[in-house]
N, C-alpha and C. Protein backbone atom coordinates (compact mmCIF):
# COMPACT_ATOMS: atom_id res chain seq x y z
N MET A 1 7.58 -16.18 -15.03
CA MET A 1 6.95 -15.50 -13.81
C MET A 1 7.55 -14.13 -13.79
N ALA A 2 6.83 -13.12 -13.43
CA ALA A 2 7.28 -11.81 -13.50
C ALA A 2 8.33 -11.61 -12.30
N LYS A 3 9.15 -10.70 -12.49
CA LYS A 3 10.28 -10.44 -11.50
C LYS A 3 9.49 -9.39 -10.49
N VAL A 4 9.77 -9.60 -9.23
CA VAL A 4 9.25 -8.70 -8.14
C VAL A 4 9.86 -7.48 -8.11
N PRO A 5 9.17 -6.31 -8.14
CA PRO A 5 9.98 -4.94 -8.08
C PRO A 5 10.50 -4.80 -6.82
N SER A 6 11.61 -4.08 -6.85
CA SER A 6 12.41 -3.74 -5.56
C SER A 6 11.63 -2.77 -4.77
N LYS A 7 11.96 -2.78 -3.46
CA LYS A 7 11.23 -1.89 -2.47
C LYS A 7 11.28 -0.42 -3.01
N GLU A 8 12.53 -0.04 -3.38
CA GLU A 8 12.70 1.30 -3.92
C GLU A 8 11.76 1.67 -5.15
N THR A 9 11.66 0.72 -6.03
CA THR A 9 10.84 0.84 -7.20
C THR A 9 9.39 1.07 -6.73
N ILE A 10 8.89 0.27 -5.68
CA ILE A 10 7.51 0.32 -5.22
C ILE A 10 7.41 1.68 -4.65
N LYS A 11 8.41 2.14 -3.85
CA LYS A 11 8.39 3.48 -3.20
C LYS A 11 8.16 4.55 -4.19
N ARG A 12 9.02 4.56 -5.17
CA ARG A 12 8.86 5.61 -6.40
C ARG A 12 7.46 5.66 -6.98
N ARG A 13 7.02 4.47 -7.23
CA ARG A 13 5.71 4.45 -7.99
C ARG A 13 4.69 4.97 -6.92
N THR A 14 4.77 4.55 -5.65
CA THR A 14 3.83 5.13 -4.65
C THR A 14 3.80 6.51 -4.60
N ILE A 15 5.01 7.12 -4.50
CA ILE A 15 5.15 8.56 -4.42
C ILE A 15 4.56 9.26 -5.73
N ALA A 16 4.81 8.58 -6.95
CA ALA A 16 4.27 9.12 -8.08
C ALA A 16 2.76 9.07 -8.06
N ASP A 17 2.19 8.01 -7.66
CA ASP A 17 0.87 7.87 -7.63
C ASP A 17 0.11 8.82 -6.81
N MET A 18 0.84 9.11 -5.51
CA MET A 18 0.28 10.05 -4.52
C MET A 18 0.41 11.52 -5.03
N ARG A 19 1.48 11.76 -5.86
CA ARG A 19 1.53 13.15 -6.46
C ARG A 19 0.40 13.37 -7.56
N LYS A 20 0.16 12.35 -8.36
CA LYS A 20 -0.92 12.39 -9.34
C LYS A 20 -2.22 12.71 -8.66
N LEU A 21 -2.44 12.01 -7.35
CA LEU A 21 -3.70 12.20 -6.65
C LEU A 21 -3.78 13.47 -5.86
N GLY A 22 -2.62 14.18 -5.72
CA GLY A 22 -2.38 15.46 -4.99
C GLY A 22 -2.44 15.27 -3.59
N VAL A 23 -1.95 14.11 -3.08
CA VAL A 23 -1.99 13.80 -1.67
C VAL A 23 -0.60 13.54 -1.06
N HIS A 24 0.52 13.73 -1.81
CA HIS A 24 1.80 13.49 -1.22
C HIS A 24 2.41 14.72 -0.50
N LYS A 25 3.01 14.32 0.65
CA LYS A 25 3.85 15.29 1.30
C LYS A 25 5.09 14.55 1.75
N PRO A 26 6.24 15.20 1.87
CA PRO A 26 7.51 14.68 2.12
C PRO A 26 7.42 14.00 3.68
N GLN A 27 6.55 14.51 4.60
CA GLN A 27 6.36 14.04 5.88
C GLN A 27 5.76 12.61 5.84
N TYR A 28 5.23 12.12 4.85
CA TYR A 28 4.69 10.82 4.66
C TYR A 28 5.72 9.71 4.25
N ASN A 29 6.89 10.13 4.07
CA ASN A 29 7.90 9.25 3.43
C ASN A 29 8.20 8.01 4.44
N ARG A 30 8.14 8.18 5.75
CA ARG A 30 8.30 7.10 6.47
C ARG A 30 7.25 6.09 6.50
N LEU A 31 6.02 6.64 6.48
CA LEU A 31 4.96 5.62 6.11
C LEU A 31 5.00 5.01 4.76
N ILE A 32 5.49 5.61 3.78
CA ILE A 32 5.55 5.20 2.53
C ILE A 32 6.61 4.13 2.49
N ASP A 33 7.76 4.32 3.35
CA ASP A 33 8.82 3.22 3.44
C ASP A 33 8.21 1.91 3.97
N ILE A 34 7.43 1.99 4.93
CA ILE A 34 6.81 0.86 5.65
C ILE A 34 5.91 0.16 4.62
N TYR A 35 4.97 1.05 4.02
CA TYR A 35 4.05 0.38 2.96
C TYR A 35 4.81 -0.26 1.91
N SER A 36 5.86 0.36 1.35
CA SER A 36 6.72 -0.23 0.28
C SER A 36 7.28 -1.55 0.72
N GLU A 37 7.70 -1.60 1.93
CA GLU A 37 8.30 -2.92 2.48
C GLU A 37 7.15 -4.02 2.56
N LEU A 38 6.05 -3.64 2.93
CA LEU A 38 4.88 -4.53 3.07
C LEU A 38 4.54 -5.03 1.77
N VAL A 39 4.48 -4.12 0.67
CA VAL A 39 4.10 -4.63 -0.55
C VAL A 39 5.11 -5.63 -1.13
N HIS A 40 6.42 -5.17 -0.95
CA HIS A 40 7.48 -5.90 -1.45
C HIS A 40 7.44 -7.41 -0.86
N GLN A 41 7.24 -7.48 0.45
CA GLN A 41 7.19 -8.81 1.11
C GLN A 41 6.03 -9.56 0.59
N TYR A 42 4.79 -8.91 0.28
CA TYR A 42 3.71 -9.51 -0.13
C TYR A 42 3.97 -10.17 -1.42
N LEU A 43 4.56 -9.38 -2.36
CA LEU A 43 4.82 -9.75 -3.73
C LEU A 43 5.81 -11.00 -3.67
N ILE A 44 6.84 -10.98 -2.84
CA ILE A 44 7.72 -12.22 -2.84
C ILE A 44 7.02 -13.23 -2.35
N LEU A 45 6.29 -13.31 -1.22
CA LEU A 45 5.62 -14.37 -0.73
C LEU A 45 4.44 -14.92 -1.72
N ASN A 46 3.79 -14.02 -2.33
CA ASN A 46 2.86 -14.41 -3.26
C ASN A 46 3.52 -15.21 -4.42
N LYS A 47 4.70 -14.76 -4.96
CA LYS A 47 5.39 -15.46 -6.07
C LYS A 47 5.87 -16.85 -5.51
N GLU A 48 6.25 -17.00 -4.30
CA GLU A 48 6.67 -18.25 -3.63
C GLU A 48 5.39 -19.26 -3.56
N PHE A 49 4.24 -18.60 -3.16
CA PHE A 49 2.97 -19.30 -3.01
C PHE A 49 2.61 -19.90 -4.43
N GLU A 50 2.90 -19.01 -5.45
CA GLU A 50 2.42 -19.52 -6.79
C GLU A 50 3.38 -20.68 -7.28
N GLU A 51 4.66 -20.38 -6.95
CA GLU A 51 5.78 -21.47 -7.47
C GLU A 51 5.46 -22.83 -6.80
N LYS A 52 4.98 -22.69 -5.55
CA LYS A 52 4.75 -24.04 -4.80
C LYS A 52 3.23 -24.60 -5.15
N GLY A 53 2.66 -24.04 -6.21
CA GLY A 53 1.46 -24.73 -6.60
C GLY A 53 0.27 -24.29 -5.70
N TYR A 54 0.35 -23.18 -5.01
CA TYR A 54 -0.93 -22.63 -4.25
C TYR A 54 -1.35 -23.69 -3.24
N ARG A 55 -0.31 -24.20 -2.47
CA ARG A 55 -0.71 -25.13 -1.50
C ARG A 55 -1.36 -24.30 -0.29
N TYR A 56 -2.53 -24.40 -0.06
CA TYR A 56 -3.18 -23.57 0.96
C TYR A 56 -3.52 -24.29 2.25
N GLU A 57 -3.19 -25.61 2.22
CA GLU A 57 -3.39 -26.51 3.46
C GLU A 57 -2.13 -27.28 3.74
N VAL A 58 -1.90 -27.60 4.94
CA VAL A 58 -0.85 -28.49 5.31
C VAL A 58 -1.41 -29.47 6.29
N MET A 59 -0.71 -30.65 6.35
CA MET A 59 -1.13 -31.71 7.32
C MET A 59 -0.68 -31.50 8.69
N THR A 60 -1.44 -31.72 9.73
CA THR A 60 -1.04 -31.56 10.99
C THR A 60 -0.52 -32.89 11.60
N ASP A 61 0.10 -32.90 12.71
CA ASP A 61 0.53 -34.18 13.41
C ASP A 61 -0.60 -35.20 13.74
N GLN A 62 -1.68 -34.57 13.95
CA GLN A 62 -2.91 -35.36 14.25
C GLN A 62 -3.70 -36.04 13.01
N GLY A 63 -3.10 -35.67 11.92
CA GLY A 63 -3.61 -36.27 10.67
C GLY A 63 -4.68 -35.44 9.92
N GLY A 64 -5.06 -34.39 10.60
CA GLY A 64 -5.96 -33.36 9.80
C GLY A 64 -5.22 -32.32 8.99
N SER A 65 -5.86 -31.32 8.60
CA SER A 65 -5.31 -30.34 7.81
C SER A 65 -5.61 -28.94 8.43
N LYS A 66 -4.66 -27.99 8.14
CA LYS A 66 -4.94 -26.62 8.66
C LYS A 66 -4.40 -25.71 7.49
N LYS A 67 -4.77 -24.31 7.72
CA LYS A 67 -4.24 -23.34 6.74
C LYS A 67 -2.70 -23.34 6.74
N ALA A 68 -2.14 -23.25 5.55
CA ALA A 68 -0.70 -23.14 5.53
C ALA A 68 -0.24 -21.84 5.95
N PRO A 69 0.95 -21.78 6.69
CA PRO A 69 1.41 -20.62 7.20
C PRO A 69 1.61 -19.52 6.25
N ILE A 70 1.89 -19.75 5.11
CA ILE A 70 2.00 -18.67 4.03
C ILE A 70 0.78 -18.06 3.71
N VAL A 71 -0.28 -18.82 3.81
CA VAL A 71 -1.57 -18.18 3.60
C VAL A 71 -1.93 -17.25 4.58
N ALA A 72 -1.72 -17.63 5.94
CA ALA A 72 -1.89 -16.67 6.89
C ALA A 72 -1.12 -15.38 6.95
N THR A 73 0.14 -15.62 6.52
CA THR A 73 1.03 -14.46 6.38
C THR A 73 0.50 -13.52 5.22
N LEU A 74 0.16 -14.15 4.13
CA LEU A 74 -0.23 -13.28 3.11
C LEU A 74 -1.61 -12.52 3.48
N GLU A 75 -2.45 -13.17 4.13
CA GLU A 75 -3.71 -12.58 4.67
C GLU A 75 -3.41 -11.35 5.49
N ASN A 76 -2.45 -11.52 6.51
CA ASN A 76 -2.17 -10.47 7.37
C ASN A 76 -1.43 -9.33 6.61
N LEU A 77 -0.56 -9.66 5.64
CA LEU A 77 0.04 -8.61 4.86
C LEU A 77 -0.94 -7.87 4.05
N ARG A 78 -1.93 -8.43 3.54
CA ARG A 78 -3.10 -7.73 2.79
C ARG A 78 -3.72 -6.78 3.68
N LYS A 79 -3.96 -7.36 4.84
CA LYS A 79 -4.68 -6.33 5.91
C LYS A 79 -3.84 -5.10 6.25
N ASP A 80 -2.49 -5.41 6.43
CA ASP A 80 -1.64 -4.25 6.63
C ASP A 80 -1.45 -3.24 5.68
N ILE A 81 -1.38 -3.82 4.34
CA ILE A 81 -1.24 -3.10 3.16
C ILE A 81 -2.54 -2.30 3.09
N LEU A 82 -3.63 -2.81 3.25
CA LEU A 82 -4.91 -1.95 3.17
C LEU A 82 -4.94 -0.84 4.07
N ALA A 83 -4.53 -1.14 5.38
CA ALA A 83 -4.45 -0.23 6.37
C ALA A 83 -3.61 1.04 5.92
N TYR A 84 -2.36 0.75 5.53
CA TYR A 84 -1.37 1.70 5.03
C TYR A 84 -2.00 2.57 3.87
N SER A 85 -2.56 1.74 3.03
CA SER A 85 -3.06 2.42 1.63
C SER A 85 -4.19 3.41 2.09
N ASP A 86 -4.92 3.07 3.04
CA ASP A 86 -5.99 4.02 3.53
C ASP A 86 -5.19 5.28 4.03
N ARG A 87 -4.25 5.01 4.86
CA ARG A 87 -3.58 6.24 5.46
C ARG A 87 -2.91 7.20 4.44
N LEU A 88 -2.41 6.46 3.32
CA LEU A 88 -1.75 7.15 2.27
C LEU A 88 -2.64 7.60 1.19
N CYS A 89 -3.92 7.43 1.32
CA CYS A 89 -4.95 7.82 0.41
C CYS A 89 -4.88 7.36 -0.96
N LEU A 90 -4.44 5.99 -0.97
CA LEU A 90 -4.12 5.21 -2.23
C LEU A 90 -5.29 4.42 -2.71
N ASN A 91 -6.52 4.46 -2.04
CA ASN A 91 -7.61 3.69 -2.62
C ASN A 91 -8.78 4.67 -2.66
N PRO A 92 -9.75 4.35 -3.51
CA PRO A 92 -10.88 5.29 -3.70
C PRO A 92 -11.64 5.65 -2.49
N LYS A 93 -11.92 4.60 -1.55
CA LYS A 93 -12.67 4.92 -0.49
C LYS A 93 -12.04 5.95 0.44
N SER A 94 -10.71 5.84 0.75
CA SER A 94 -10.06 6.90 1.60
C SER A 94 -9.84 8.15 0.98
N LEU A 95 -9.81 8.10 -0.46
CA LEU A 95 -9.52 9.46 -1.12
C LEU A 95 -10.90 10.21 -1.16
N GLU A 96 -12.07 9.75 -1.01
CA GLU A 96 -13.25 10.36 -0.83
C GLU A 96 -13.32 11.27 0.37
N ASN A 97 -12.61 10.88 1.41
CA ASN A 97 -12.56 11.67 2.65
C ASN A 97 -11.49 12.73 2.72
N VAL A 98 -10.75 12.93 1.64
CA VAL A 98 -9.66 13.79 1.65
C VAL A 98 -9.76 14.94 0.58
N THR A 99 -9.36 16.17 1.00
CA THR A 99 -9.26 17.16 0.08
C THR A 99 -7.95 17.30 -0.51
N ALA A 100 -7.77 16.83 -1.73
CA ALA A 100 -6.34 16.99 -2.28
C ALA A 100 -5.87 18.33 -2.60
N GLU A 101 -4.57 18.65 -2.46
CA GLU A 101 -4.14 19.99 -2.83
C GLU A 101 -3.87 20.00 -4.16
N THR A 102 -4.48 20.95 -4.85
CA THR A 102 -4.28 21.09 -6.38
C THR A 102 -3.31 22.25 -6.64
N GLY A 103 -2.90 22.99 -5.85
CA GLY A 103 -2.00 24.11 -6.10
C GLY A 103 -2.86 25.40 -6.43
N LYS A 104 -4.13 25.21 -6.79
CA LYS A 104 -4.96 26.45 -7.13
C LYS A 104 -5.67 26.93 -5.93
N THR A 105 -5.77 28.18 -5.87
CA THR A 105 -6.50 28.89 -4.73
C THR A 105 -7.66 29.53 -5.26
N SER A 106 -8.69 29.63 -4.45
CA SER A 106 -9.91 30.25 -4.78
C SER A 106 -9.72 31.81 -4.80
N ALA A 107 -10.64 32.43 -5.46
CA ALA A 107 -10.54 33.89 -5.49
C ALA A 107 -10.73 34.42 -4.07
N LEU A 108 -11.51 33.76 -3.26
CA LEU A 108 -11.80 34.36 -1.96
C LEU A 108 -10.40 34.07 -1.11
N ALA A 109 -9.86 32.89 -1.31
CA ALA A 109 -8.59 32.66 -0.56
C ALA A 109 -7.52 33.53 -1.00
N SER A 110 -7.47 33.93 -2.25
CA SER A 110 -6.39 34.98 -2.73
C SER A 110 -6.60 36.35 -1.98
N VAL A 111 -7.77 36.73 -1.92
CA VAL A 111 -8.05 38.01 -1.39
C VAL A 111 -7.82 37.96 0.09
N LEU A 112 -8.18 36.98 0.82
CA LEU A 112 -7.94 36.90 2.18
C LEU A 112 -6.36 36.84 2.48
N LYS A 113 -5.66 36.18 1.65
CA LYS A 113 -4.28 36.17 1.78
C LYS A 113 -3.58 37.42 1.68
N GLN A 114 -4.13 38.25 0.72
CA GLN A 114 -3.63 39.64 0.48
C GLN A 114 -3.92 40.56 1.65
N LEU A 115 -4.97 40.29 2.31
CA LEU A 115 -5.33 41.19 3.42
C LEU A 115 -4.47 40.85 4.70
N SER A 116 -4.10 39.63 4.82
CA SER A 116 -3.33 39.33 6.06
C SER A 116 -1.85 39.74 5.95
């Protein structure tokens, strides 16, 4: 089984991905910290879920079965990760709605900047 990357490794990779996409700003680092922690928790729990044989149901006191708590936790983490990845423009759908900074300026923008 693969080793789970550290929170810092996830953070560095996230920042690198955001820079490649042209959407990283230092002001986003607090959100990136939270996102990295969520991904780290998800990976740890997913590894535990795999090691325990993907038990997705547990028995109740009444003799029935219900969704295992780890499954519910993984589902919630997935939703949270998706929400943060949207905010950080890390998925295709959210990136469609953002204009990434490329560092290049148009000819019109250059002229207007010189006038001011």
